[in-house]
Amino acid sequence: MKKNTFILILSLILACNKNKAQVAGQHVIEKAQPTENIVSDTIKTVSTSYNTKILSHLISQLNKEGFVFKSEKARFIPSFPSKTENTVLIIDGPGIGDYFAKSVKPEKGTNDIYPEFKICTFIFLTQKEAQKNFERITDALSSHKNIETPYKILIKENQIFYLFTQEERFRAYLEKYGKTLEDYN
C-alpha cells in the first residue's frame, strides 16, 4: 500500500512539473515550445549601466506607503505569446530584474487582503533597442484581447518596466506606481 501511494504521489509531482505554467503579467503561459506554426524569438537583455535612481525612487515611495519591496532572483524566463507575429517572445539574459511589492497594511475595508504586485525590469544596451523591444512586447500583450489580469508596461531610458498582479482589485496600484516611474526625472 505504501509503495502504491508513493508511486501515485511521485507520478502527480512529475505530471505537475512537466508543463509548469509561468505567470508573466496577466498571462498564464505554458512553457513556450516552438511548433510548426509558432516559433520562439529570444529578446536578449544585457547587464549594463542603468538608472538605479528610478528604482530607488519607487522603493522609497513604496516604503512610505507601507509596502515591503523585495528583489527576487529571476526564477522564470518571461515570455509573451504574440498572435500578430505568430511567435513567443522570450526575454532572457542577465538584464532581467525580478521584484515583489506587498503592503504590510490590509486593503481598506478588509482585514486580510494585502495589495501585492510584481515588477520585472528588462535592461537593454541602448534606448533605441529598448524602444524596439517595448513595442514588440506591447504588441504581443495587446494581441490577446481576452486577457483580464491587470498589468502596466512602460519604458524609461534603456529599461522596460513590467508591473503585474493577479488581482483586478490591485490595478490601481499598478497605475499609481507605474505613474511614479513614468514621472521620475
N, C-alpha and C. Protein backbone atom coordinates (compact mmCIF):
# COMPACT_ATOMS: atom_id res chain seq x y z
N MET A 1 0.82 -1.20 0.00
CA MET A 1 0.00 0.00 0.00
C MET A 1 0.86 1.26 0.00
N LYS A 2 1.91 1.27 0.86
CA LYS A 2 2.79 2.43 0.92
C LYS A 2 3.49 2.64 -0.41
N LYS A 3 3.88 1.52 -1.05
CA LYS A 3 4.57 1.61 -2.33
C LYS A 3 3.66 2.24 -3.38
N ASN A 4 2.38 1.83 -3.44
CA ASN A 4 1.43 2.39 -4.40
C ASN A 4 1.17 3.86 -4.12
N THR A 5 1.05 4.23 -2.87
CA THR A 5 0.84 5.64 -2.52
C THR A 5 2.04 6.47 -2.94
N PHE A 6 3.25 5.95 -2.69
CA PHE A 6 4.47 6.67 -3.09
C PHE A 6 4.52 6.85 -4.60
N ILE A 7 4.20 5.81 -5.35
CA ILE A 7 4.22 5.88 -6.81
C ILE A 7 3.18 6.88 -7.31
N LEU A 8 2.00 6.88 -6.70
CA LEU A 8 0.95 7.83 -7.08
C LEU A 8 1.40 9.27 -6.84
N ILE A 9 1.97 9.53 -5.66
CA ILE A 9 2.44 10.88 -5.34
C ILE A 9 3.55 11.30 -6.28
N LEU A 10 4.49 10.42 -6.53
CA LEU A 10 5.60 10.71 -7.44
C LEU A 10 5.09 11.00 -8.84
N SER A 11 4.11 10.23 -9.30
CA SER A 11 3.51 10.46 -10.63
C SER A 11 2.85 11.82 -10.72
N LEU A 12 2.13 12.20 -9.66
CA LEU A 12 1.48 13.51 -9.64
C LEU A 12 2.50 14.64 -9.67
N ILE A 13 3.56 14.51 -8.90
CA ILE A 13 4.60 15.55 -8.88
C ILE A 13 5.24 15.68 -10.25
N LEU A 14 5.57 14.56 -10.88
CA LEU A 14 6.19 14.60 -12.20
C LEU A 14 5.23 15.19 -13.23
N ALA A 15 3.96 14.85 -13.14
CA ALA A 15 2.98 15.39 -14.09
C ALA A 15 2.84 16.90 -13.93
N CYS A 16 2.85 17.37 -12.69
CA CYS A 16 2.73 18.81 -12.45
C CYS A 16 3.96 19.56 -12.94
N ASN A 17 5.12 18.98 -12.79
CA ASN A 17 6.36 19.64 -13.21
C ASN A 17 6.58 19.60 -14.70
N LYS A 18 5.94 18.68 -15.40
CA LYS A 18 6.16 18.51 -16.83
C LYS A 18 5.83 19.76 -17.63
N ASN A 19 4.69 20.35 -17.37
CA ASN A 19 4.27 21.56 -18.10
C ASN A 19 3.97 22.67 -17.11
N LYS A 20 4.98 23.06 -16.34
CA LYS A 20 4.77 24.14 -15.38
C LYS A 20 4.33 25.39 -16.10
N ALA A 21 3.39 26.07 -15.52
CA ALA A 21 2.94 27.36 -16.08
C ALA A 21 3.77 28.47 -15.44
N GLN A 22 4.02 29.48 -16.21
CA GLN A 22 4.71 30.66 -15.71
C GLN A 22 3.71 31.79 -15.73
N VAL A 23 3.78 32.63 -14.73
CA VAL A 23 2.93 33.81 -14.74
C VAL A 23 3.78 34.95 -15.26
N ALA A 24 3.38 35.51 -16.37
CA ALA A 24 4.08 36.66 -16.93
C ALA A 24 3.03 37.74 -17.09
N GLY A 25 2.98 38.59 -16.11
CA GLY A 25 1.98 39.65 -16.14
C GLY A 25 0.62 39.06 -16.06
N GLN A 26 -0.18 39.37 -17.00
CA GLN A 26 -1.55 38.93 -16.95
C GLN A 26 -1.75 37.58 -17.60
N HIS A 27 -0.71 36.96 -18.02
CA HIS A 27 -0.84 35.71 -18.75
C HIS A 27 -0.39 34.53 -17.92
N VAL A 28 -1.08 33.45 -18.04
CA VAL A 28 -0.53 32.19 -17.58
C VAL A 28 -0.09 31.49 -18.84
N ILE A 29 1.20 31.35 -18.97
CA ILE A 29 1.76 30.85 -20.22
C ILE A 29 2.37 29.49 -19.96
N GLU A 30 1.97 28.50 -20.72
CA GLU A 30 2.63 27.23 -20.61
C GLU A 30 4.02 27.38 -21.16
N LYS A 31 4.92 26.58 -20.66
CA LYS A 31 6.30 26.68 -21.10
C LYS A 31 6.33 26.76 -22.61
N ALA A 32 6.89 27.83 -23.11
CA ALA A 32 6.86 28.12 -24.54
C ALA A 32 7.64 27.07 -25.32
N GLN A 33 6.96 26.41 -26.20
CA GLN A 33 7.58 25.42 -27.07
C GLN A 33 7.26 25.76 -28.52
N PRO A 34 8.28 26.01 -29.32
CA PRO A 34 8.02 26.29 -30.73
C PRO A 34 7.33 25.09 -31.40
N THR A 35 6.46 25.37 -32.34
CA THR A 35 5.78 24.34 -33.10
C THR A 35 5.92 24.68 -34.58
N GLU A 36 5.23 23.94 -35.43
CA GLU A 36 5.26 24.25 -36.86
C GLU A 36 4.73 25.65 -37.12
N ASN A 37 3.69 26.03 -36.40
CA ASN A 37 3.02 27.30 -36.65
C ASN A 37 3.54 28.46 -35.80
N ILE A 38 4.12 28.14 -34.66
CA ILE A 38 4.59 29.18 -33.76
C ILE A 38 6.06 28.95 -33.47
N VAL A 39 6.84 30.01 -33.63
CA VAL A 39 8.27 29.91 -33.36
C VAL A 39 8.61 30.83 -32.19
N SER A 40 9.74 30.56 -31.56
CA SER A 40 10.17 31.43 -30.47
C SER A 40 11.18 32.44 -30.99
N ASP A 41 11.19 33.57 -30.34
CA ASP A 41 12.14 34.63 -30.68
C ASP A 41 12.65 35.17 -29.36
N THR A 42 13.94 35.02 -29.12
CA THR A 42 14.52 35.45 -27.86
C THR A 42 14.98 36.90 -27.94
N ILE A 43 14.52 37.66 -26.98
CA ILE A 43 14.95 39.06 -26.83
C ILE A 43 15.99 39.06 -25.71
N LYS A 44 17.20 39.44 -26.04
CA LYS A 44 18.31 39.39 -25.08
C LYS A 44 18.44 40.71 -24.31
N THR A 45 18.50 40.58 -23.01
CA THR A 45 18.78 41.73 -22.16
C THR A 45 20.27 41.72 -21.84
N VAL A 46 20.76 42.84 -21.35
CA VAL A 46 22.19 42.93 -21.02
C VAL A 46 22.37 43.46 -19.60
N SER A 47 23.48 43.11 -19.03
CA SER A 47 23.84 43.65 -17.73
C SER A 47 24.74 44.84 -18.00
N THR A 48 24.13 46.01 -18.01
CA THR A 48 24.85 47.23 -18.32
C THR A 48 24.39 48.33 -17.38
N SER A 49 24.95 49.47 -17.54
CA SER A 49 24.55 50.57 -16.65
C SER A 49 23.09 50.95 -16.91
N TYR A 50 22.41 51.29 -15.87
CA TYR A 50 21.04 51.74 -15.97
C TYR A 50 20.80 52.69 -14.82
N ASN A 51 19.72 53.38 -14.86
CA ASN A 51 19.43 54.40 -13.87
C ASN A 51 18.84 53.77 -12.61
N THR A 52 19.68 53.48 -11.63
CA THR A 52 19.20 52.88 -10.39
C THR A 52 18.38 53.87 -9.57
N LYS A 53 18.51 55.17 -9.86
CA LYS A 53 17.76 56.17 -9.12
C LYS A 53 16.26 56.03 -9.34
N ILE A 54 15.87 55.57 -10.51
CA ILE A 54 14.44 55.38 -10.80
C ILE A 54 13.86 54.33 -9.86
N LEU A 55 14.53 53.20 -9.77
CA LEU A 55 14.06 52.12 -8.91
C LEU A 55 14.15 52.54 -7.43
N SER A 56 15.20 53.24 -7.05
CA SER A 56 15.34 53.72 -5.67
C SER A 56 14.20 54.67 -5.31
N HIS A 57 13.81 55.52 -6.25
CA HIS A 57 12.68 56.44 -6.03
C HIS A 57 11.40 55.64 -5.80
N LEU A 58 11.17 54.62 -6.63
CA LEU A 58 9.97 53.79 -6.47
C LEU A 58 9.98 53.08 -5.12
N ILE A 59 11.12 52.51 -4.74
CA ILE A 59 11.23 51.81 -3.45
C ILE A 59 10.92 52.76 -2.30
N SER A 60 11.44 53.98 -2.39
CA SER A 60 11.18 54.99 -1.36
C SER A 60 9.68 55.28 -1.24
N GLN A 61 9.01 55.46 -2.37
CA GLN A 61 7.57 55.71 -2.37
C GLN A 61 6.81 54.53 -1.77
N LEU A 62 7.18 53.33 -2.19
CA LEU A 62 6.51 52.13 -1.68
C LEU A 62 6.69 52.01 -0.15
N ASN A 63 7.91 52.23 0.32
CA ASN A 63 8.16 52.14 1.76
C ASN A 63 7.36 53.16 2.54
N LYS A 64 7.27 54.39 2.03
CA LYS A 64 6.49 55.44 2.70
C LYS A 64 5.02 55.05 2.81
N GLU A 65 4.55 54.28 1.84
CA GLU A 65 3.13 53.93 1.80
C GLU A 65 2.85 52.53 2.33
N GLY A 66 3.80 51.98 3.08
CA GLY A 66 3.56 50.72 3.78
C GLY A 66 3.76 49.46 2.97
N PHE A 67 4.60 49.52 1.96
CA PHE A 67 4.90 48.32 1.16
C PHE A 67 6.29 47.81 1.49
N VAL A 68 6.42 46.51 1.45
CA VAL A 68 7.72 45.86 1.52
C VAL A 68 8.12 45.56 0.09
N PHE A 69 9.34 45.87 -0.26
CA PHE A 69 9.84 45.68 -1.63
C PHE A 69 10.99 44.70 -1.57
N LYS A 70 10.87 43.60 -2.31
CA LYS A 70 11.92 42.58 -2.28
C LYS A 70 12.44 42.32 -3.69
N SER A 71 13.73 42.19 -3.76
CA SER A 71 14.36 41.78 -5.01
C SER A 71 14.41 40.26 -4.99
N GLU A 72 13.96 39.67 -6.07
CA GLU A 72 13.98 38.21 -6.15
C GLU A 72 14.91 37.80 -7.28
N LYS A 73 15.58 36.70 -7.08
CA LYS A 73 16.38 36.17 -8.17
C LYS A 73 15.39 35.72 -9.24
N ALA A 74 15.62 36.16 -10.46
CA ALA A 74 14.69 35.81 -11.54
C ALA A 74 14.57 34.29 -11.61
N ARG A 75 13.40 33.79 -11.26
CA ARG A 75 13.18 32.35 -11.22
C ARG A 75 12.50 31.85 -12.48
N PHE A 76 12.10 32.74 -13.32
CA PHE A 76 11.45 32.32 -14.55
C PHE A 76 11.95 33.18 -15.69
N ILE A 77 11.79 32.68 -16.87
CA ILE A 77 12.14 33.45 -18.06
C ILE A 77 10.83 33.98 -18.61
N PRO A 78 10.63 35.30 -18.54
CA PRO A 78 9.37 35.87 -19.02
C PRO A 78 9.17 35.59 -20.51
N SER A 79 7.96 35.29 -20.87
CA SER A 79 7.64 35.06 -22.28
C SER A 79 6.26 35.63 -22.57
N PHE A 80 6.13 36.12 -23.80
CA PHE A 80 4.90 36.77 -24.23
C PHE A 80 4.49 36.21 -25.58
N PRO A 81 3.40 35.46 -25.65
CA PRO A 81 2.96 34.98 -26.96
C PRO A 81 2.38 36.13 -27.78
N SER A 82 2.78 36.21 -29.02
CA SER A 82 2.30 37.26 -29.90
C SER A 82 1.49 36.65 -31.03
N LYS A 83 0.21 36.98 -31.06
CA LYS A 83 -0.64 36.47 -32.14
C LYS A 83 -0.32 37.18 -33.45
N THR A 84 0.08 38.45 -33.39
CA THR A 84 0.34 39.19 -34.63
C THR A 84 1.63 38.73 -35.30
N GLU A 85 2.63 38.36 -34.50
CA GLU A 85 3.90 37.89 -35.07
C GLU A 85 3.94 36.37 -35.18
N ASN A 86 2.95 35.69 -34.61
CA ASN A 86 2.91 34.24 -34.59
C ASN A 86 4.17 33.66 -33.94
N THR A 87 4.60 34.31 -32.87
CA THR A 87 5.80 33.91 -32.14
C THR A 87 5.54 33.96 -30.64
N VAL A 88 6.46 33.39 -29.92
CA VAL A 88 6.52 33.56 -28.48
C VAL A 88 7.79 34.35 -28.22
N LEU A 89 7.63 35.55 -27.68
CA LEU A 89 8.78 36.38 -27.35
C LEU A 89 9.31 35.94 -26.00
N ILE A 90 10.54 35.49 -25.96
CA ILE A 90 11.16 35.01 -24.73
C ILE A 90 12.21 36.04 -24.31
N ILE A 91 12.09 36.54 -23.10
CA ILE A 91 13.04 37.52 -22.58
C ILE A 91 14.09 36.75 -21.79
N ASP A 92 15.36 36.96 -22.14
CA ASP A 92 16.42 36.21 -21.49
C ASP A 92 17.65 37.10 -21.34
N GLY A 93 18.56 36.69 -20.53
CA GLY A 93 19.81 37.41 -20.36
C GLY A 93 19.98 37.94 -18.95
N PRO A 94 21.14 38.53 -18.69
CA PRO A 94 21.46 38.99 -17.34
C PRO A 94 20.80 40.31 -16.94
N GLY A 95 20.08 40.95 -17.85
CA GLY A 95 19.48 42.24 -17.55
C GLY A 95 18.03 42.17 -17.12
N ILE A 96 17.63 41.06 -16.52
CA ILE A 96 16.26 40.92 -16.03
C ILE A 96 16.26 41.14 -14.52
N GLY A 97 15.42 42.06 -14.07
CA GLY A 97 15.23 42.27 -12.64
C GLY A 97 13.86 41.74 -12.26
N ASP A 98 13.76 41.10 -11.13
CA ASP A 98 12.52 40.49 -10.67
C ASP A 98 12.25 40.97 -9.25
N TYR A 99 11.15 41.71 -9.05
CA TYR A 99 10.86 42.32 -7.76
C TYR A 99 9.42 42.04 -7.34
N PHE A 100 9.20 42.13 -6.04
CA PHE A 100 7.89 41.86 -5.48
C PHE A 100 7.57 42.93 -4.45
N ALA A 101 6.40 43.54 -4.54
CA ALA A 101 5.95 44.55 -3.57
C ALA A 101 4.67 44.06 -2.92
N LYS A 102 4.64 44.14 -1.59
CA LYS A 102 3.44 43.73 -0.85
C LYS A 102 3.23 44.70 0.30
N SER A 103 1.98 45.11 0.45
CA SER A 103 1.62 46.04 1.52
C SER A 103 1.64 45.31 2.86
N VAL A 104 2.08 46.01 3.89
CA VAL A 104 2.01 45.45 5.24
C VAL A 104 0.69 45.81 5.90
N LYS A 105 -0.08 46.66 5.22
CA LYS A 105 -1.41 47.06 5.72
C LYS A 105 -2.47 46.43 4.81
N PRO A 106 -3.53 45.90 5.41
CA PRO A 106 -4.59 45.32 4.57
C PRO A 106 -5.32 46.39 3.76
N GLU A 107 -5.93 45.95 2.67
CA GLU A 107 -6.73 46.82 1.82
C GLU A 107 -7.84 47.45 2.66
N LYS A 108 -8.17 48.70 2.38
CA LYS A 108 -9.23 49.38 3.14
C LYS A 108 -10.52 48.57 3.11
N GLY A 109 -11.12 48.44 4.28
CA GLY A 109 -12.38 47.73 4.38
C GLY A 109 -12.22 46.23 4.53
N THR A 110 -10.98 45.75 4.61
CA THR A 110 -10.74 44.32 4.81
C THR A 110 -9.76 44.12 5.96
N ASN A 111 -9.70 42.91 6.43
CA ASN A 111 -8.75 42.58 7.50
C ASN A 111 -7.61 41.70 7.01
N ASP A 112 -7.80 41.08 5.85
CA ASP A 112 -6.82 40.08 5.45
C ASP A 112 -6.46 40.10 3.97
N ILE A 113 -6.74 41.19 3.26
CA ILE A 113 -6.38 41.28 1.85
C ILE A 113 -5.29 42.34 1.71
N TYR A 114 -4.10 41.89 1.37
CA TYR A 114 -2.94 42.77 1.29
C TYR A 114 -2.56 42.99 -0.18
N PRO A 115 -2.58 44.25 -0.62
CA PRO A 115 -2.20 44.53 -2.02
C PRO A 115 -0.79 44.04 -2.31
N GLU A 116 -0.61 43.46 -3.49
CA GLU A 116 0.70 42.98 -3.90
C GLU A 116 0.79 42.98 -5.41
N PHE A 117 2.00 43.13 -5.91
CA PHE A 117 2.24 43.06 -7.34
C PHE A 117 3.72 42.79 -7.59
N LYS A 118 4.01 42.40 -8.81
CA LYS A 118 5.38 42.13 -9.22
C LYS A 118 5.83 43.18 -10.22
N ILE A 119 7.12 43.39 -10.25
CA ILE A 119 7.74 44.28 -11.23
C ILE A 119 8.91 43.53 -11.85
N CYS A 120 8.90 43.45 -13.16
CA CYS A 120 10.06 42.92 -13.89
C CYS A 120 10.68 44.08 -14.65
N THR A 121 12.00 44.14 -14.64
CA THR A 121 12.69 45.14 -15.43
C THR A 121 13.54 44.41 -16.46
N PHE A 122 13.57 44.97 -17.64
CA PHE A 122 14.37 44.42 -18.74
C PHE A 122 15.30 45.53 -19.20
N ILE A 123 16.59 45.30 -19.13
CA ILE A 123 17.58 46.32 -19.45
C ILE A 123 18.24 46.00 -20.79
N PHE A 124 18.36 47.03 -21.62
CA PHE A 124 18.96 46.87 -22.95
C PHE A 124 20.14 47.82 -23.09
N LEU A 125 20.96 47.55 -24.07
CA LEU A 125 22.18 48.32 -24.29
C LEU A 125 21.88 49.78 -24.61
N THR A 126 20.86 50.01 -25.44
CA THR A 126 20.55 51.37 -25.85
C THR A 126 19.06 51.65 -25.66
N GLN A 127 18.73 52.93 -25.67
CA GLN A 127 17.33 53.33 -25.58
C GLN A 127 16.58 52.91 -26.84
N LYS A 128 17.25 52.96 -27.97
CA LYS A 128 16.63 52.56 -29.24
C LYS A 128 16.25 51.07 -29.22
N GLU A 129 17.15 50.25 -28.72
CA GLU A 129 16.86 48.81 -28.62
C GLU A 129 15.73 48.56 -27.63
N ALA A 130 15.73 49.29 -26.52
CA ALA A 130 14.66 49.16 -25.53
C ALA A 130 13.32 49.54 -26.16
N GLN A 131 13.30 50.62 -26.94
CA GLN A 131 12.07 51.08 -27.58
C GLN A 131 11.53 50.03 -28.55
N LYS A 132 12.41 49.45 -29.35
CA LYS A 132 12.01 48.42 -30.31
C LYS A 132 11.39 47.22 -29.59
N ASN A 133 12.03 46.77 -28.51
CA ASN A 133 11.52 45.62 -27.76
C ASN A 133 10.26 45.96 -26.98
N PHE A 134 10.17 47.18 -26.50
CA PHE A 134 8.95 47.64 -25.83
C PHE A 134 7.76 47.54 -26.78
N GLU A 135 7.95 48.00 -28.00
CA GLU A 135 6.87 47.94 -29.00
C GLU A 135 6.47 46.50 -29.30
N ARG A 136 7.44 45.60 -29.39
CA ARG A 136 7.14 44.19 -29.67
C ARG A 136 6.38 43.55 -28.51
N ILE A 137 6.82 43.81 -27.28
CA ILE A 137 6.15 43.24 -26.11
C ILE A 137 4.75 43.82 -25.97
N THR A 138 4.62 45.12 -26.14
CA THR A 138 3.31 45.77 -26.06
C THR A 138 2.37 45.20 -27.11
N ASP A 139 2.88 45.00 -28.32
CA ASP A 139 2.08 44.41 -29.38
C ASP A 139 1.64 42.99 -29.01
N ALA A 140 2.55 42.22 -28.43
CA ALA A 140 2.20 40.85 -28.02
C ALA A 140 1.11 40.87 -26.95
N LEU A 141 1.26 41.76 -25.98
CA LEU A 141 0.25 41.85 -24.92
C LEU A 141 -1.10 42.28 -25.47
N SER A 142 -1.11 43.25 -26.37
CA SER A 142 -2.38 43.74 -26.89
C SER A 142 -3.00 42.79 -27.91
N SER A 143 -2.25 41.80 -28.37
CA SER A 143 -2.82 40.84 -29.32
C SER A 143 -3.74 39.83 -28.63
N HIS A 144 -3.79 39.87 -27.31
CA HIS A 144 -4.66 38.97 -26.54
C HIS A 144 -5.78 39.79 -25.92
N LYS A 145 -6.86 39.93 -26.65
CA LYS A 145 -7.97 40.79 -26.23
C LYS A 145 -8.75 40.24 -25.04
N ASN A 146 -8.67 38.93 -24.80
CA ASN A 146 -9.48 38.32 -23.75
C ASN A 146 -8.76 38.22 -22.41
N ILE A 147 -7.61 38.82 -22.29
CA ILE A 147 -6.84 38.74 -21.05
C ILE A 147 -7.34 39.80 -20.09
N GLU A 148 -7.58 39.39 -18.86
CA GLU A 148 -8.18 40.30 -17.90
C GLU A 148 -7.27 40.63 -16.74
N THR A 149 -6.20 39.89 -16.54
CA THR A 149 -5.33 40.15 -15.40
C THR A 149 -4.60 41.46 -15.61
N PRO A 150 -4.58 42.33 -14.62
CA PRO A 150 -4.00 43.67 -14.77
C PRO A 150 -2.49 43.68 -14.97
N TYR A 151 -2.06 44.60 -15.81
CA TYR A 151 -0.63 44.85 -15.99
C TYR A 151 -0.43 46.29 -16.43
N LYS A 152 0.79 46.74 -16.30
CA LYS A 152 1.20 48.07 -16.77
C LYS A 152 2.62 47.89 -17.31
N ILE A 153 2.86 48.36 -18.51
CA ILE A 153 4.20 48.28 -19.09
C ILE A 153 4.61 49.68 -19.53
N LEU A 154 5.84 50.03 -19.24
CA LEU A 154 6.34 51.34 -19.62
C LEU A 154 7.83 51.27 -19.89
N ILE A 155 8.32 52.28 -20.56
CA ILE A 155 9.74 52.35 -20.90
C ILE A 155 10.31 53.63 -20.31
N LYS A 156 11.49 53.51 -19.77
CA LYS A 156 12.21 54.66 -19.22
C LYS A 156 13.68 54.46 -19.56
N GLU A 157 14.18 55.34 -20.41
CA GLU A 157 15.56 55.26 -20.89
C GLU A 157 15.79 53.90 -21.56
N ASN A 158 16.77 53.13 -21.08
CA ASN A 158 17.05 51.83 -21.72
C ASN A 158 16.44 50.66 -20.95
N GLN A 159 15.39 50.95 -20.16
CA GLN A 159 14.73 49.93 -19.35
C GLN A 159 13.25 49.83 -19.67
N ILE A 160 12.76 48.61 -19.62
CA ILE A 160 11.33 48.37 -19.70
C ILE A 160 10.89 47.91 -18.31
N PHE A 161 9.82 48.51 -17.81
CA PHE A 161 9.25 48.13 -16.52
C PHE A 161 7.91 47.45 -16.81
N TYR A 162 7.76 46.26 -16.27
CA TYR A 162 6.54 45.48 -16.47
C TYR A 162 5.96 45.16 -15.09
N LEU A 163 4.87 45.81 -14.74
CA LEU A 163 4.21 45.62 -13.45
C LEU A 163 2.97 44.76 -13.68
N PHE A 164 2.75 43.80 -12.81
CA PHE A 164 1.57 42.96 -12.97
C PHE A 164 1.13 42.35 -11.65
N THR A 165 -0.13 41.94 -11.63
CA THR A 165 -0.72 41.31 -10.46
C THR A 165 -1.77 40.32 -10.94
N GLN A 166 -2.22 39.48 -10.06
CA GLN A 166 -3.27 38.53 -10.41
C GLN A 166 -4.65 38.99 -9.96
N GLU A 167 -4.70 40.10 -9.25
CA GLU A 167 -5.97 40.58 -8.70
C GLU A 167 -6.41 41.89 -9.36
N GLU A 168 -7.59 41.89 -9.93
CA GLU A 168 -8.14 43.09 -10.55
C GLU A 168 -8.22 44.24 -9.54
N ARG A 169 -8.54 43.93 -8.31
CA ARG A 169 -8.69 44.98 -7.29
C ARG A 169 -7.39 45.75 -7.03
N PHE A 170 -6.24 45.22 -7.49
CA PHE A 170 -4.96 45.90 -7.28
C PHE A 170 -4.49 46.69 -8.50
N ARG A 171 -5.34 46.77 -9.53
CA ARG A 171 -4.97 47.51 -10.75
C ARG A 171 -4.58 48.96 -10.44
N ALA A 172 -5.28 49.59 -9.52
CA ALA A 172 -4.98 50.99 -9.19
C ALA A 172 -3.54 51.16 -8.69
N TYR A 173 -3.01 50.16 -8.01
CA TYR A 173 -1.63 50.23 -7.54
C TYR A 173 -0.65 50.18 -8.72
N LEU A 174 -0.96 49.37 -9.70
CA LEU A 174 -0.10 49.31 -10.90
C LEU A 174 -0.08 50.67 -11.59
N GLU A 175 -1.26 51.27 -11.72
CA GLU A 175 -1.35 52.58 -12.36
C GLU A 175 -0.60 53.63 -11.55
N LYS A 176 -0.82 53.62 -10.25
CA LYS A 176 -0.19 54.62 -9.37
C LYS A 176 1.34 54.52 -9.42
N TYR A 177 1.86 53.32 -9.22
CA TYR A 177 3.31 53.18 -9.17
C TYR A 177 3.94 53.18 -10.56
N GLY A 178 3.18 52.82 -11.57
CA GLY A 178 3.65 52.99 -12.94
C GLY A 178 3.83 54.47 -13.25
N LYS A 179 2.88 55.27 -12.78
CA LYS A 179 2.97 56.73 -12.97
C LYS A 179 4.16 57.30 -12.21
N THR A 180 4.42 56.75 -11.02
CA THR A 180 5.59 57.17 -10.25
C THR A 180 6.87 56.96 -11.06
N LEU A 181 6.96 55.83 -11.75
CA LEU A 181 8.12 55.55 -12.58
C LEU A 181 8.15 56.49 -13.81
N GLU A 182 7.01 56.65 -14.45
CA GLU A 182 6.93 57.49 -15.66
C GLU A 182 7.31 58.95 -15.36
N ASP A 183 6.88 59.45 -14.21
CA ASP A 183 7.08 60.85 -13.88
C ASP A 183 8.46 61.16 -13.33
N TYR A 184 9.23 60.16 -13.02
CA TYR A 184 10.55 60.40 -12.44
C TYR A 184 11.47 61.06 -13.48
N ASN A 185 12.14 62.12 -13.05
CA ASN A 185 13.10 62.81 -13.93
C ASN A 185 14.50 62.69 -13.39
